[in-house]
Amino acid sequence: MSDAVRGIRLFALDVDGVLTDNAIFLGLVGGARVEFKRFDIQDGLGLRLLGGCGIEVALVSARPSEATTLRATELKIDELIQVADGRKAAAMQEMLDRKEIAWAQVAFLGDDLADVPVMRRVGLPLAVANAVPEVKALAAHVTSAPGGRGAVREAVEYLLRGRGQYEEAVERYLRSRDLASGTWHPAPGSRST
């Protein structure tokens, strides 16, 4: 695994098409506009595995949405960028300056053209299986799972395994849930490195 993986301090990801399956459900309830998005629970658990591994998480969307805000709150993700003008790179630069993180220390998981300016700057560009060809061409790694269907979890696992922290992160998670006693061992046939 490359030094790029070991140097990552921030895992940023797009929302629609990456954290979701790109579907947006719109309607009216009692005359009020409502919006629903589908989020994969295993992706959320993957993001929680990053806690304690020295990697912060940021959601970066070109489409402001209350559903995205709710999911970020539920996952305890403090860095939520939602820019209506689509200028993700400029908004991320402000966050990186505030956190004193260099672009080279950022992994970004994207799927569509709005992600290209960010992916051209980060140290570790990643793409989901359903990404457009322009995004896949920039990616150091493309997940086998599509967005909203386990791609985020797969990308987190890729990062943590590359840093030699996956088993430690799983053990920490299991201890926090009081599900394990002793040392965790990967299941036979699992993707252990």
N, C-alpha and C. Protein backbone atom coordinates (compact mmCIF):
# COMPACT_ATOMS: atom_id res chain seq x y z
N MET A 1 0.86 -1.17 0.00
CA MET A 1 0.00 0.00 0.00
C MET A 1 0.90 1.23 0.00
N SER A 2 0.45 2.24 -0.63
CA SER A 2 1.28 3.43 -0.83
C SER A 2 1.40 4.29 0.43
N ASP A 3 2.42 5.15 0.41
CA ASP A 3 2.58 6.12 1.49
C ASP A 3 1.39 7.07 1.55
N ALA A 4 0.72 7.28 0.41
CA ALA A 4 -0.45 8.16 0.37
C ALA A 4 -1.51 7.70 1.37
N VAL A 5 -1.74 6.39 1.46
CA VAL A 5 -2.73 5.86 2.38
C VAL A 5 -2.30 6.12 3.82
N ARG A 6 -1.05 5.88 4.12
CA ARG A 6 -0.57 6.05 5.50
C ARG A 6 -0.60 7.51 5.95
N GLY A 7 -0.50 8.45 5.03
CA GLY A 7 -0.48 9.87 5.39
C GLY A 7 -1.83 10.54 5.46
N ILE A 8 -2.92 9.80 5.27
CA ILE A 8 -4.25 10.40 5.25
C ILE A 8 -4.68 10.83 6.65
N ARG A 9 -5.15 12.07 6.75
CA ARG A 9 -5.68 12.60 8.01
C ARG A 9 -7.17 12.91 7.92
N LEU A 10 -7.70 12.99 6.66
CA LEU A 10 -9.11 13.33 6.46
C LEU A 10 -9.67 12.46 5.35
N PHE A 11 -10.80 11.82 5.62
CA PHE A 11 -11.54 11.08 4.61
C PHE A 11 -12.78 11.91 4.30
N ALA A 12 -12.82 12.49 3.11
CA ALA A 12 -13.97 13.29 2.68
C ALA A 12 -14.71 12.51 1.60
N LEU A 13 -16.00 12.69 1.56
CA LEU A 13 -16.78 11.98 0.56
C LEU A 13 -17.98 12.78 0.13
N ASP A 14 -18.34 12.57 -1.13
CA ASP A 14 -19.56 13.12 -1.68
C ASP A 14 -20.73 12.40 -1.01
N VAL A 15 -21.92 12.92 -1.18
CA VAL A 15 -23.10 12.31 -0.56
C VAL A 15 -23.94 11.58 -1.61
N ASP A 16 -24.59 12.32 -2.51
CA ASP A 16 -25.48 11.70 -3.49
C ASP A 16 -24.68 10.87 -4.49
N GLY A 17 -25.00 9.60 -4.57
CA GLY A 17 -24.28 8.68 -5.45
C GLY A 17 -23.09 8.01 -4.80
N VAL A 18 -22.75 8.43 -3.58
CA VAL A 18 -21.63 7.83 -2.84
C VAL A 18 -22.13 7.30 -1.50
N LEU A 19 -22.60 8.19 -0.65
CA LEU A 19 -23.19 7.78 0.63
C LEU A 19 -24.64 7.32 0.42
N THR A 20 -25.24 7.74 -0.70
CA THR A 20 -26.58 7.28 -1.06
C THR A 20 -26.51 6.59 -2.42
N ASP A 21 -27.62 5.99 -2.81
CA ASP A 21 -27.68 5.31 -4.11
C ASP A 21 -28.14 6.26 -5.22
N ASN A 22 -28.07 7.56 -4.97
CA ASN A 22 -28.43 8.61 -5.93
C ASN A 22 -29.93 8.87 -6.01
N ALA A 23 -30.74 8.11 -5.30
CA ALA A 23 -32.18 8.32 -5.33
C ALA A 23 -32.58 9.41 -4.34
N ILE A 24 -33.48 10.27 -4.77
CA ILE A 24 -34.05 11.30 -3.90
C ILE A 24 -35.56 11.18 -4.02
N PHE A 25 -36.22 11.05 -2.90
CA PHE A 25 -37.67 10.95 -2.88
C PHE A 25 -38.23 12.27 -2.38
N LEU A 26 -39.02 12.93 -3.21
CA LEU A 26 -39.62 14.22 -2.87
C LEU A 26 -41.12 14.09 -2.81
N GLY A 27 -41.74 14.83 -1.90
CA GLY A 27 -43.20 14.80 -1.80
C GLY A 27 -43.70 15.89 -0.88
N LEU A 28 -45.01 15.90 -0.69
CA LEU A 28 -45.66 16.83 0.22
C LEU A 28 -46.36 16.05 1.32
N VAL A 29 -46.14 16.46 2.54
CA VAL A 29 -46.82 15.86 3.69
C VAL A 29 -47.46 17.01 4.45
N GLY A 30 -48.77 17.02 4.47
CA GLY A 30 -49.48 18.12 5.14
C GLY A 30 -49.13 19.48 4.53
N GLY A 31 -48.86 19.51 3.25
CA GLY A 31 -48.52 20.76 2.57
C GLY A 31 -47.07 21.15 2.68
N ALA A 32 -46.29 20.40 3.45
CA ALA A 32 -44.86 20.71 3.61
C ALA A 32 -44.03 19.80 2.70
N ARG A 33 -43.00 20.37 2.10
CA ARG A 33 -42.09 19.61 1.24
C ARG A 33 -41.24 18.69 2.11
N VAL A 34 -41.14 17.44 1.70
CA VAL A 34 -40.30 16.48 2.41
C VAL A 34 -39.36 15.82 1.41
N GLU A 35 -38.20 15.44 1.90
CA GLU A 35 -37.20 14.78 1.07
C GLU A 35 -36.64 13.61 1.85
N PHE A 36 -36.53 12.49 1.18
CA PHE A 36 -35.94 11.30 1.79
C PHE A 36 -34.80 10.81 0.91
N LYS A 37 -33.77 10.27 1.57
CA LYS A 37 -32.66 9.63 0.88
C LYS A 37 -32.43 8.29 1.55
N ARG A 38 -31.89 7.35 0.80
CA ARG A 38 -31.58 6.03 1.33
C ARG A 38 -30.09 5.97 1.69
N PHE A 39 -29.80 5.66 2.95
CA PHE A 39 -28.43 5.51 3.43
C PHE A 39 -28.20 4.06 3.83
N ASP A 40 -27.02 3.55 3.55
CA ASP A 40 -26.66 2.18 3.87
C ASP A 40 -26.08 2.14 5.30
N ILE A 41 -26.65 1.30 6.13
CA ILE A 41 -26.22 1.21 7.53
C ILE A 41 -24.76 0.75 7.64
N GLN A 42 -24.34 -0.18 6.78
CA GLN A 42 -22.96 -0.65 6.85
C GLN A 42 -21.98 0.47 6.48
N ASP A 43 -22.37 1.38 5.60
CA ASP A 43 -21.52 2.53 5.30
C ASP A 43 -21.34 3.39 6.55
N GLY A 44 -22.43 3.60 7.27
CA GLY A 44 -22.35 4.39 8.50
C GLY A 44 -21.44 3.76 9.53
N LEU A 45 -21.54 2.44 9.69
CA LEU A 45 -20.67 1.76 10.64
C LEU A 45 -19.22 1.88 10.19
N GLY A 46 -18.99 1.80 8.89
CA GLY A 46 -17.63 1.97 8.36
C GLY A 46 -17.05 3.31 8.76
N LEU A 47 -17.85 4.36 8.64
CA LEU A 47 -17.36 5.70 9.02
C LEU A 47 -17.05 5.75 10.51
N ARG A 48 -17.82 5.07 11.31
CA ARG A 48 -17.55 5.03 12.75
C ARG A 48 -16.24 4.30 13.06
N LEU A 49 -15.86 3.34 12.22
CA LEU A 49 -14.60 2.62 12.44
C LEU A 49 -13.40 3.56 12.37
N LEU A 50 -13.54 4.68 11.67
CA LEU A 50 -12.42 5.61 11.55
C LEU A 50 -12.10 6.32 12.87
N GLY A 51 -13.09 6.38 13.78
CA GLY A 51 -12.87 7.02 15.07
C GLY A 51 -11.73 6.34 15.81
N GLY A 52 -10.78 7.10 16.27
CA GLY A 52 -9.64 6.55 17.00
C GLY A 52 -8.50 6.12 16.09
N CYS A 53 -8.63 6.31 14.79
CA CYS A 53 -7.58 5.90 13.84
C CYS A 53 -6.81 7.10 13.28
N GLY A 54 -7.10 8.29 13.78
CA GLY A 54 -6.38 9.46 13.31
C GLY A 54 -6.87 10.00 11.98
N ILE A 55 -8.07 9.60 11.57
CA ILE A 55 -8.66 10.07 10.31
C ILE A 55 -10.00 10.73 10.62
N GLU A 56 -10.11 12.01 10.30
CA GLU A 56 -11.38 12.72 10.45
C GLU A 56 -12.25 12.46 9.23
N VAL A 57 -13.54 12.74 9.35
CA VAL A 57 -14.49 12.52 8.27
C VAL A 57 -15.19 13.84 7.93
N ALA A 58 -15.39 14.06 6.62
CA ALA A 58 -16.15 15.21 6.15
C ALA A 58 -17.09 14.79 5.03
N LEU A 59 -18.32 15.22 5.10
CA LEU A 59 -19.27 15.02 4.00
C LEU A 59 -19.25 16.29 3.17
N VAL A 60 -19.18 16.14 1.85
CA VAL A 60 -19.06 17.28 0.94
C VAL A 60 -20.07 17.12 -0.18
N SER A 61 -21.09 17.96 -0.18
CA SER A 61 -22.15 17.85 -1.17
C SER A 61 -22.38 19.16 -1.90
N ALA A 62 -22.71 19.05 -3.18
CA ALA A 62 -23.06 20.22 -3.98
C ALA A 62 -24.56 20.46 -3.95
N ARG A 63 -25.26 19.75 -3.09
CA ARG A 63 -26.71 19.88 -3.00
C ARG A 63 -27.14 19.91 -1.53
N PRO A 64 -27.45 21.10 -1.01
CA PRO A 64 -27.91 21.18 0.38
C PRO A 64 -29.18 20.36 0.59
N SER A 65 -29.22 19.63 1.69
CA SER A 65 -30.34 18.75 1.97
C SER A 65 -30.46 18.50 3.46
N GLU A 66 -31.67 18.61 3.96
CA GLU A 66 -31.91 18.34 5.38
C GLU A 66 -31.65 16.86 5.69
N ALA A 67 -31.93 15.98 4.74
CA ALA A 67 -31.67 14.55 4.95
C ALA A 67 -30.18 14.30 5.17
N THR A 68 -29.34 15.00 4.42
CA THR A 68 -27.90 14.88 4.60
C THR A 68 -27.47 15.40 5.97
N THR A 69 -28.04 16.52 6.37
CA THR A 69 -27.74 17.09 7.68
C THR A 69 -28.13 16.11 8.79
N LEU A 70 -29.30 15.51 8.67
CA LEU A 70 -29.74 14.53 9.67
C LEU A 70 -28.79 13.35 9.75
N ARG A 71 -28.35 12.85 8.60
CA ARG A 71 -27.44 11.70 8.60
C ARG A 71 -26.09 12.06 9.20
N ALA A 72 -25.58 13.25 8.88
CA ALA A 72 -24.31 13.69 9.45
C ALA A 72 -24.42 13.80 10.97
N THR A 73 -25.51 14.33 11.45
CA THR A 73 -25.73 14.45 12.89
C THR A 73 -25.80 13.07 13.54
N GLU A 74 -26.53 12.16 12.92
CA GLU A 74 -26.67 10.81 13.46
C GLU A 74 -25.32 10.10 13.55
N LEU A 75 -24.45 10.34 12.56
CA LEU A 75 -23.14 9.70 12.54
C LEU A 75 -22.08 10.49 13.32
N LYS A 76 -22.50 11.62 13.92
CA LYS A 76 -21.59 12.48 14.68
C LYS A 76 -20.44 13.00 13.81
N ILE A 77 -20.77 13.37 12.57
CA ILE A 77 -19.80 13.96 11.66
C ILE A 77 -19.93 15.47 11.75
N ASP A 78 -18.90 16.12 12.28
CA ASP A 78 -18.95 17.56 12.49
C ASP A 78 -18.71 18.36 11.21
N GLU A 79 -17.93 17.82 10.31
CA GLU A 79 -17.58 18.55 9.09
C GLU A 79 -18.56 18.19 7.97
N LEU A 80 -19.52 19.08 7.77
CA LEU A 80 -20.52 18.91 6.73
C LEU A 80 -20.49 20.14 5.84
N ILE A 81 -20.11 19.94 4.59
CA ILE A 81 -20.06 21.02 3.61
C ILE A 81 -21.17 20.77 2.60
N GLN A 82 -22.10 21.71 2.50
CA GLN A 82 -23.17 21.65 1.51
C GLN A 82 -23.17 22.99 0.77
N VAL A 83 -22.70 22.97 -0.46
CA VAL A 83 -22.56 24.21 -1.23
C VAL A 83 -23.52 24.19 -2.41
N ALA A 84 -24.42 25.15 -2.44
CA ALA A 84 -25.42 25.21 -3.50
C ALA A 84 -24.80 25.57 -4.84
N ASP A 85 -23.64 26.25 -4.83
CA ASP A 85 -23.02 26.67 -6.09
C ASP A 85 -22.13 25.57 -6.69
N GLY A 86 -21.99 24.44 -6.01
CA GLY A 86 -21.22 23.32 -6.53
C GLY A 86 -19.71 23.46 -6.40
N ARG A 87 -19.22 24.52 -5.78
CA ARG A 87 -17.78 24.76 -5.66
C ARG A 87 -17.22 24.03 -4.43
N LYS A 88 -17.13 22.74 -4.56
CA LYS A 88 -16.66 21.90 -3.45
C LYS A 88 -15.20 22.17 -3.10
N ALA A 89 -14.35 22.34 -4.10
CA ALA A 89 -12.91 22.53 -3.84
C ALA A 89 -12.66 23.79 -3.02
N ALA A 90 -13.33 24.87 -3.35
CA ALA A 90 -13.15 26.12 -2.61
C ALA A 90 -13.63 25.97 -1.17
N ALA A 91 -14.76 25.31 -0.98
CA ALA A 91 -15.28 25.11 0.37
C ALA A 91 -14.37 24.19 1.17
N MET A 92 -13.84 23.17 0.51
CA MET A 92 -12.91 22.27 1.21
C MET A 92 -11.62 22.99 1.57
N GLN A 93 -11.14 23.88 0.70
CA GLN A 93 -9.90 24.61 1.00
C GLN A 93 -10.05 25.39 2.30
N GLU A 94 -11.20 26.02 2.50
CA GLU A 94 -11.45 26.75 3.75
C GLU A 94 -11.38 25.82 4.95
N MET A 95 -11.99 24.64 4.84
CA MET A 95 -11.96 23.67 5.94
C MET A 95 -10.53 23.18 6.19
N LEU A 96 -9.80 22.87 5.12
CA LEU A 96 -8.43 22.38 5.27
C LEU A 96 -7.54 23.44 5.90
N ASP A 97 -7.70 24.69 5.51
CA ASP A 97 -6.93 25.78 6.12
C ASP A 97 -7.21 25.86 7.61
N ARG A 98 -8.48 25.78 7.97
CA ARG A 98 -8.88 25.86 9.38
C ARG A 98 -8.30 24.70 10.18
N LYS A 99 -8.26 23.51 9.60
CA LYS A 99 -7.77 22.31 10.29
C LYS A 99 -6.27 22.08 10.12
N GLU A 100 -5.63 22.91 9.31
CA GLU A 100 -4.20 22.78 9.02
C GLU A 100 -3.89 21.39 8.47
N ILE A 101 -4.68 20.99 7.47
CA ILE A 101 -4.50 19.73 6.76
C ILE A 101 -4.18 20.06 5.31
N ALA A 102 -3.17 19.40 4.76
CA ALA A 102 -2.79 19.61 3.36
C ALA A 102 -3.64 18.72 2.46
N TRP A 103 -3.80 19.16 1.21
CA TRP A 103 -4.55 18.35 0.24
C TRP A 103 -3.96 16.94 0.13
N ALA A 104 -2.66 16.82 0.24
CA ALA A 104 -2.01 15.52 0.13
C ALA A 104 -2.41 14.57 1.25
N GLN A 105 -2.98 15.10 2.34
CA GLN A 105 -3.40 14.29 3.48
C GLN A 105 -4.89 13.94 3.44
N VAL A 106 -5.50 14.15 2.28
CA VAL A 106 -6.94 13.93 2.13
C VAL A 106 -7.22 12.78 1.17
N ALA A 107 -8.10 11.88 1.58
CA ALA A 107 -8.68 10.88 0.68
C ALA A 107 -10.09 11.38 0.37
N PHE A 108 -10.49 11.28 -0.88
CA PHE A 108 -11.83 11.74 -1.27
C PHE A 108 -12.48 10.66 -2.12
N LEU A 109 -13.73 10.32 -1.77
CA LEU A 109 -14.51 9.32 -2.49
C LEU A 109 -15.61 10.02 -3.26
N GLY A 110 -15.56 9.91 -4.60
CA GLY A 110 -16.52 10.61 -5.43
C GLY A 110 -17.14 9.73 -6.49
N ASP A 111 -18.08 10.36 -7.24
CA ASP A 111 -18.78 9.60 -8.28
C ASP A 111 -19.08 10.38 -9.54
N ASP A 112 -19.11 11.72 -9.48
CA ASP A 112 -19.58 12.46 -10.66
C ASP A 112 -18.71 13.68 -10.94
N LEU A 113 -19.04 14.38 -12.01
CA LEU A 113 -18.21 15.48 -12.49
C LEU A 113 -17.96 16.57 -11.46
N ALA A 114 -18.93 16.83 -10.58
CA ALA A 114 -18.75 17.85 -9.55
C ALA A 114 -17.60 17.50 -8.60
N ASP A 115 -17.19 16.24 -8.58
CA ASP A 115 -16.11 15.79 -7.70
C ASP A 115 -14.72 15.91 -8.33
N VAL A 116 -14.66 16.11 -9.63
CA VAL A 116 -13.37 16.13 -10.34
C VAL A 116 -12.42 17.20 -9.81
N PRO A 117 -12.85 18.45 -9.60
CA PRO A 117 -11.90 19.45 -9.08
C PRO A 117 -11.28 19.07 -7.74
N VAL A 118 -12.03 18.39 -6.89
CA VAL A 118 -11.50 17.94 -5.60
C VAL A 118 -10.55 16.77 -5.81
N MET A 119 -10.96 15.83 -6.63
CA MET A 119 -10.15 14.63 -6.85
C MET A 119 -8.80 14.95 -7.49
N ARG A 120 -8.74 16.02 -8.25
CA ARG A 120 -7.47 16.43 -8.86
C ARG A 120 -6.50 16.98 -7.83
N ARG A 121 -6.97 17.36 -6.65
CA ARG A 121 -6.13 17.98 -5.62
C ARG A 121 -5.70 17.03 -4.50
N VAL A 122 -6.56 16.06 -4.19
CA VAL A 122 -6.31 15.23 -3.00
C VAL A 122 -5.16 14.25 -3.20
N GLY A 123 -4.63 13.80 -2.07
CA GLY A 123 -3.54 12.83 -2.10
C GLY A 123 -4.01 11.45 -2.49
N LEU A 124 -5.27 11.11 -2.19
CA LEU A 124 -5.79 9.78 -2.48
C LEU A 124 -7.21 9.88 -3.04
N PRO A 125 -7.34 10.01 -4.37
CA PRO A 125 -8.67 10.04 -4.98
C PRO A 125 -9.23 8.63 -5.10
N LEU A 126 -10.48 8.46 -4.68
CA LEU A 126 -11.16 7.17 -4.72
C LEU A 126 -12.48 7.33 -5.46
N ALA A 127 -12.94 6.28 -6.10
CA ALA A 127 -14.21 6.33 -6.83
C ALA A 127 -15.07 5.13 -6.48
N VAL A 128 -16.39 5.33 -6.53
CA VAL A 128 -17.33 4.23 -6.34
C VAL A 128 -17.53 3.53 -7.67
N ALA A 129 -18.04 2.31 -7.63
CA ALA A 129 -18.21 1.49 -8.84
C ALA A 129 -19.09 2.17 -9.88
N ASN A 130 -20.07 2.96 -9.44
CA ASN A 130 -20.99 3.61 -10.35
C ASN A 130 -20.52 5.00 -10.79
N ALA A 131 -19.29 5.34 -10.54
CA ALA A 131 -18.75 6.65 -10.92
C ALA A 131 -18.67 6.80 -12.44
N VAL A 132 -18.72 8.05 -12.88
CA VAL A 132 -18.57 8.33 -14.31
C VAL A 132 -17.11 8.09 -14.71
N PRO A 133 -16.85 7.84 -16.00
CA PRO A 133 -15.49 7.53 -16.45
C PRO A 133 -14.45 8.59 -16.08
N GLU A 134 -14.81 9.85 -16.09
CA GLU A 134 -13.87 10.92 -15.75
C GLU A 134 -13.39 10.81 -14.31
N VAL A 135 -14.25 10.37 -13.42
CA VAL A 135 -13.89 10.19 -12.00
C VAL A 135 -13.05 8.93 -11.83
N LYS A 136 -13.46 7.86 -12.47
CA LYS A 136 -12.70 6.61 -12.37
C LYS A 136 -11.28 6.78 -12.90
N ALA A 137 -11.12 7.61 -13.93
CA ALA A 137 -9.79 7.82 -14.51
C ALA A 137 -8.83 8.48 -13.53
N LEU A 138 -9.36 9.25 -12.59
CA LEU A 138 -8.53 9.94 -11.60
C LEU A 138 -8.26 9.10 -10.35
N ALA A 139 -9.02 8.04 -10.17
CA ALA A 139 -9.01 7.28 -8.91
C ALA A 139 -7.81 6.35 -8.78
N ALA A 140 -7.24 6.36 -7.59
CA ALA A 140 -6.19 5.40 -7.24
C ALA A 140 -6.81 4.04 -6.92
N HIS A 141 -8.09 4.05 -6.55
CA HIS A 141 -8.81 2.82 -6.22
C HIS A 141 -10.28 3.04 -6.55
N VAL A 142 -10.91 2.04 -7.17
CA VAL A 142 -12.35 2.05 -7.46
C VAL A 142 -12.98 0.91 -6.67
N THR A 143 -14.02 1.21 -5.90
CA THR A 143 -14.68 0.17 -5.12
C THR A 143 -15.41 -0.80 -6.04
N SER A 144 -15.65 -1.99 -5.56
CA SER A 144 -16.45 -2.94 -6.33
C SER A 144 -17.94 -2.70 -6.07
N ALA A 145 -18.27 -2.08 -4.93
CA ALA A 145 -19.66 -1.78 -4.59
C ALA A 145 -20.05 -0.40 -5.11
N PRO A 146 -21.30 -0.23 -5.52
CA PRO A 146 -21.77 1.09 -5.95
C PRO A 146 -22.10 1.97 -4.75
N GLY A 147 -22.25 3.26 -5.01
CA GLY A 147 -22.63 4.20 -3.96
C GLY A 147 -23.96 3.83 -3.33
N GLY A 148 -24.04 4.03 -2.01
CA GLY A 148 -25.26 3.72 -1.28
C GLY A 148 -25.47 2.24 -1.06
N ARG A 149 -24.51 1.43 -1.48
CA ARG A 149 -24.64 -0.03 -1.37
C ARG A 149 -23.36 -0.65 -0.85
N GLY A 150 -22.68 0.04 0.06
CA GLY A 150 -21.48 -0.51 0.68
C GLY A 150 -20.17 0.05 0.18
N ALA A 151 -20.19 0.99 -0.76
CA ALA A 151 -18.95 1.55 -1.30
C ALA A 151 -18.16 2.32 -0.25
N VAL A 152 -18.85 3.06 0.60
CA VAL A 152 -18.16 3.83 1.64
C VAL A 152 -17.48 2.88 2.62
N ARG A 153 -18.16 1.84 3.04
CA ARG A 153 -17.59 0.85 3.96
C ARG A 153 -16.35 0.22 3.32
N GLU A 154 -16.45 -0.10 2.03
CA GLU A 154 -15.32 -0.70 1.32
C GLU A 154 -14.13 0.26 1.26
N ALA A 155 -14.39 1.53 1.02
CA ALA A 155 -13.31 2.53 0.96
C ALA A 155 -12.66 2.70 2.32
N VAL A 156 -13.46 2.71 3.39
CA VAL A 156 -12.92 2.81 4.74
C VAL A 156 -12.03 1.61 5.04
N GLU A 157 -12.51 0.44 4.67
CA GLU A 157 -11.72 -0.78 4.89
C GLU A 157 -10.40 -0.71 4.12
N TYR A 158 -10.45 -0.21 2.89
CA TYR A 158 -9.25 -0.04 2.07
C TYR A 158 -8.23 0.86 2.78
N LEU A 159 -8.72 1.98 3.32
CA LEU A 159 -7.84 2.90 4.04
C LEU A 159 -7.24 2.25 5.29
N LEU A 160 -8.10 1.66 6.09
CA LEU A 160 -7.63 1.09 7.36
C LEU A 160 -6.72 -0.10 7.17
N ARG A 161 -7.00 -0.94 6.20
CA ARG A 161 -6.10 -2.07 5.92
C ARG A 161 -4.76 -1.55 5.41
N GLY A 162 -4.80 -0.51 4.59
CA GLY A 162 -3.56 0.07 4.07
C GLY A 162 -2.69 0.68 5.16
N ARG A 163 -3.31 1.08 6.24
CA ARG A 163 -2.59 1.66 7.38
C ARG A 163 -2.30 0.61 8.46
N GLY A 164 -2.75 -0.61 8.25
CA GLY A 164 -2.56 -1.66 9.25
C GLY A 164 -3.41 -1.44 10.49
N GLN A 165 -4.56 -0.76 10.35
CA GLN A 165 -5.40 -0.43 11.49
C GLN A 165 -6.77 -1.09 11.48
N TYR A 166 -7.05 -1.92 10.50
CA TYR A 166 -8.40 -2.46 10.38
C TYR A 166 -8.80 -3.32 11.57
N GLU A 167 -7.99 -4.32 11.90
CA GLU A 167 -8.35 -5.22 13.01
C GLU A 167 -8.47 -4.45 14.32
N GLU A 168 -7.57 -3.50 14.53
CA GLU A 168 -7.62 -2.66 15.75
C GLU A 168 -8.92 -1.85 15.79
N ALA A 169 -9.34 -1.31 14.65
CA ALA A 169 -10.57 -0.51 14.60
C ALA A 169 -11.79 -1.38 14.87
N VAL A 170 -11.81 -2.58 14.32
CA VAL A 170 -12.93 -3.49 14.57
C VAL A 170 -12.97 -3.89 16.04
N GLU A 171 -11.82 -4.21 16.60
CA GLU A 171 -11.77 -4.58 18.02
C GLU A 171 -12.26 -3.43 18.90
N ARG A 172 -11.83 -2.21 18.60
CA ARG A 172 -12.27 -1.03 19.37
C ARG A 172 -13.79 -0.88 19.28
N TYR A 173 -14.35 -1.06 18.07
CA TYR A 173 -15.79 -0.96 17.89
C TYR A 173 -16.51 -2.03 18.70
N LEU A 174 -16.04 -3.27 18.60
CA LEU A 174 -16.69 -4.36 19.33
C LEU A 174 -16.62 -4.15 20.84
N ARG A 175 -15.47 -3.71 21.34
CA ARG A 175 -15.35 -3.42 22.78
C ARG A 175 -16.33 -2.34 23.20
N SER A 176 -16.51 -1.33 22.35
CA SER A 176 -17.42 -0.23 22.69
C SER A 176 -18.87 -0.71 22.74
N ARG A 177 -19.16 -1.79 22.08
CA ARG A 177 -20.52 -2.35 22.07
C ARG A 177 -20.63 -3.54 23.02
N ASP A 178 -19.51 -3.86 23.70
CA ASP A 178 -19.46 -5.00 24.63
C ASP A 178 -19.86 -6.29 23.92
N LEU A 179 -19.43 -6.42 22.67
CA LEU A 179 -19.76 -7.61 21.90
C LEU A 179 -18.63 -8.62 21.88
N ALA A 180 -17.46 -8.21 22.32
CA ALA A 180 -16.32 -9.12 22.20
C ALA A 180 -15.62 -9.25 23.54
N SER A 181 -15.08 -10.41 23.73
CA SER A 181 -14.18 -10.59 24.86
C SER A 181 -12.91 -11.18 24.30
N GLY A 182 -11.82 -10.68 24.73
CA GLY A 182 -10.56 -11.15 24.18
C GLY A 182 -10.24 -10.45 22.87
N THR A 183 -9.49 -11.10 22.03
CA THR A 183 -9.01 -10.51 20.79
C THR A 183 -9.89 -10.94 19.63
N TRP A 184 -10.19 -10.02 18.76
CA TRP A 184 -10.97 -10.31 17.55
C TRP A 184 -10.07 -10.97 16.52
N HIS A 185 -10.60 -11.98 15.87
CA HIS A 185 -9.87 -12.65 14.78
C HIS A 185 -10.74 -12.60 13.55
N PRO A 186 -10.16 -12.28 12.38
CA PRO A 186 -10.97 -12.26 11.15
C PRO A 186 -11.59 -13.62 10.90
N ALA A 187 -12.78 -13.61 10.33
CA ALA A 187 -13.45 -14.86 9.97
C ALA A 187 -12.67 -15.56 8.87
N PRO A 188 -12.72 -16.87 8.85
CA PRO A 188 -12.04 -17.60 7.78
C PRO A 188 -12.54 -17.11 6.42
N GLY A 189 -11.62 -16.87 5.51
CA GLY A 189 -11.98 -16.42 4.17
C GLY A 189 -12.25 -14.93 4.05
N SER A 190 -12.07 -14.16 5.15
CA SER A 190 -12.31 -12.72 5.07
C SER A 190 -11.17 -12.06 4.32
N ARG A 191 -11.39 -10.80 3.96
CA ARG A 191 -10.41 -10.05 3.17
C ARG A 191 -9.34 -9.45 4.06
N SER A 192 -8.68 -10.23 4.84
CA SER A 192 -7.62 -9.74 5.72
C SER A 192 -6.30 -9.59 4.95
N THR A 193 -5.54 -8.53 5.28
CA THR A 193 -4.24 -8.34 4.63
C THR A 193 -3.13 -8.59 5.61
